[in-house]
Every structure is written in C-alpha cells, then in structure tokens.
Amino acid sequence: MPWYNAEAVKTKIHPKWYPEARVHCACGNTFVTGSTLPEIAVEICAACHPLFTGQQKLVDTAGRVDKFNQRSAAAKQKQEEAAARKAVREAKKAAAGF
C-alpha cells in the first residue's frame, strides 16, 4: 500500500512511483526504498558514511585531487617558461643598450 492517498493524486501529471526501488552503493551495500527511479547508484550510504561508521574516509570523486595536482604542476611550468622568456628579453634589451 503506497504512503500517499491515491485518490488525492492527480492522474497523468506525476512521474511513475517505484515503491521497490533498489539503491546500490559503491561500497557494495544495497537496500530498497521508494523513488521515481527504479535503480539508483550512490557513492556513499549509511553503511559507509564516516558520520555513521566513525572512520574517516577520503572520497576522491573522479580523481579531483589528481586533476588539481596536474593543473598546479602545469601552471608552475608555464610560470617558469614565462620567466625564462622574460629573462631572454631583458638580456636582449640590455645588450642593445635600452
């Protein structure tokens, strides 16, 4: 039996309700809940969330830390290349007598 009053819900304006929607977590835990989607994939659930487990866990979605480190290294390299170009330009100016 659904949790809502079926007579009070207008027809043809609400999404389909799945009372037995399965939720799959990245940790391997699965459970059933009600949803407008038949299958749901989540990264963190109550079985693996640090608030409930008491253990700290690093969550790096899509390698964000690695991407940041790569961007930081690329920016540093560009700064060094710009400084080298500036030094060459300054040396040419000094040699020309400006």
Protein backbone atom coordinates (compact mmCIF):
# COMPACT_ATOMS: atom_id res chain seq x y z
CA MET A 1 0.00 0.00 0.00
CA PRO A 2 1.52 3.34 -1.01
CA TRP A 3 2.20 6.00 1.58
CA TYR A 4 0.08 8.60 -0.20
CA ASN A 5 -3.65 8.77 -0.74
CA ALA A 6 -4.21 7.51 -4.29
CA GLU A 7 -7.45 9.45 -4.67
CA ALA A 8 -5.75 12.76 -3.81
CA VAL A 9 -3.09 12.39 -6.52
CA LYS A 10 -3.99 13.81 -9.91
CA THR A 11 -3.56 11.45 -12.82
CA LYS A 12 -1.15 11.97 -15.73
CA ILE A 13 0.93 14.73 -14.08
CA HIS A 14 3.15 12.78 -11.66
CA PRO A 15 6.12 10.59 -12.55
CA LYS A 16 5.79 6.84 -12.11
CA TRP A 17 6.37 5.79 -8.49
CA TYR A 18 8.52 2.74 -7.79
CA PRO A 19 7.86 1.57 -4.20
CA GLU A 20 10.57 -1.11 -4.54
CA ALA A 21 13.41 0.99 -6.00
CA ARG A 22 16.83 -0.59 -5.42
CA VAL A 23 19.72 1.59 -4.25
CA HIS A 24 23.26 0.36 -4.98
CA CYS A 25 26.18 1.93 -3.12
CA ALA A 26 29.82 1.96 -4.25
CA CYS A 27 30.71 0.03 -1.06
CA GLY A 28 28.53 -2.88 -2.21
CA ASN A 29 25.58 -2.23 0.09
CA THR A 30 22.09 -2.41 -1.44
CA PHE A 31 18.71 -1.51 0.00
CA VAL A 32 15.16 -0.86 -1.14
CA THR A 33 13.29 2.44 -0.92
CA GLY A 34 10.55 4.31 -2.76
CA SER A 35 11.58 6.55 -5.65
CA THR A 36 10.67 7.82 -9.10
CA LEU A 37 13.66 5.87 -10.47
CA PRO A 38 13.73 2.05 -10.48
CA GLU A 39 17.52 1.82 -9.87
CA ILE A 40 19.72 4.35 -8.04
CA ALA A 41 23.53 4.31 -7.82
CA VAL A 42 25.12 6.24 -4.95
CA GLU A 43 28.72 6.72 -3.82
CA ILE A 44 28.10 6.93 -0.07
CA CYS A 45 25.35 5.33 2.01
CA ALA A 46 24.64 4.96 5.73
CA ALA A 47 26.74 1.77 5.81
CA CYS A 48 29.94 3.53 4.67
CA HIS A 49 29.41 7.22 5.59
CA PRO A 50 32.03 8.46 8.10
CA LEU A 51 29.34 10.02 10.29
CA PHE A 52 27.76 6.62 10.90
CA THR A 53 30.88 4.42 10.84
CA GLY A 54 33.19 6.67 12.86
CA GLN A 55 36.03 6.09 10.41
CA GLN A 56 37.46 8.84 8.26
CA LYS A 57 37.44 8.02 4.56
CA LEU A 58 38.93 10.03 1.71
CA VAL A 59 36.39 10.38 -1.07
CA ASP A 60 38.06 11.40 -4.31
CA THR A 61 35.35 11.53 -6.93
CA ALA A 62 36.65 11.34 -10.49
CA GLY A 63 40.28 11.93 -9.42
CA ARG A 64 39.73 15.56 -8.42
CA VAL A 65 42.87 15.63 -6.28
CA ASP A 66 44.98 14.26 -9.14
CA LYS A 67 43.43 16.73 -11.58
CA PHE A 68 44.21 19.61 -9.21
CA ASN A 69 47.83 18.46 -8.82
CA GLN A 70 48.20 18.21 -12.61
CA ARG A 71 46.79 21.72 -13.13
CA SER A 72 49.06 23.07 -10.40
CA ALA A 73 52.14 21.47 -11.98
CA ALA A 74 51.19 22.79 -15.44
CA ALA A 75 50.70 26.31 -14.08
CA LYS A 76 54.08 26.20 -12.33
CA GLN A 77 55.77 25.03 -15.55
CA LYS A 78 54.14 27.87 -17.53
CA GLN A 79 55.32 30.39 -14.95
CA GLU A 80 58.88 29.09 -15.23
CA GLU A 81 58.74 29.24 -19.04
CA ALA A 82 57.40 32.81 -18.92
CA ALA A 83 60.16 33.82 -16.51
CA ALA A 84 62.78 32.31 -18.87
CA ARG A 85 61.31 34.19 -21.86
CA LYS A 86 61.31 37.42 -19.85
CA ALA A 87 64.95 36.90 -18.86
CA VAL A 88 65.94 36.40 -22.51
CA ARG A 89 64.01 39.54 -23.49
CA GLU A 90 65.67 41.58 -20.73
CA ALA A 91 69.10 40.29 -21.76
CA LYS A 92 68.46 41.35 -25.38
CA LYS A 93 67.35 44.80 -24.19
CA ALA A 94 70.47 45.19 -22.05
CA ALA A 95 72.71 44.08 -24.92
CA ALA A 96 71.04 46.58 -27.26
CA GLY A 97 71.59 49.38 -24.77
CA PHE A 98 68.00 50.26 -23.91
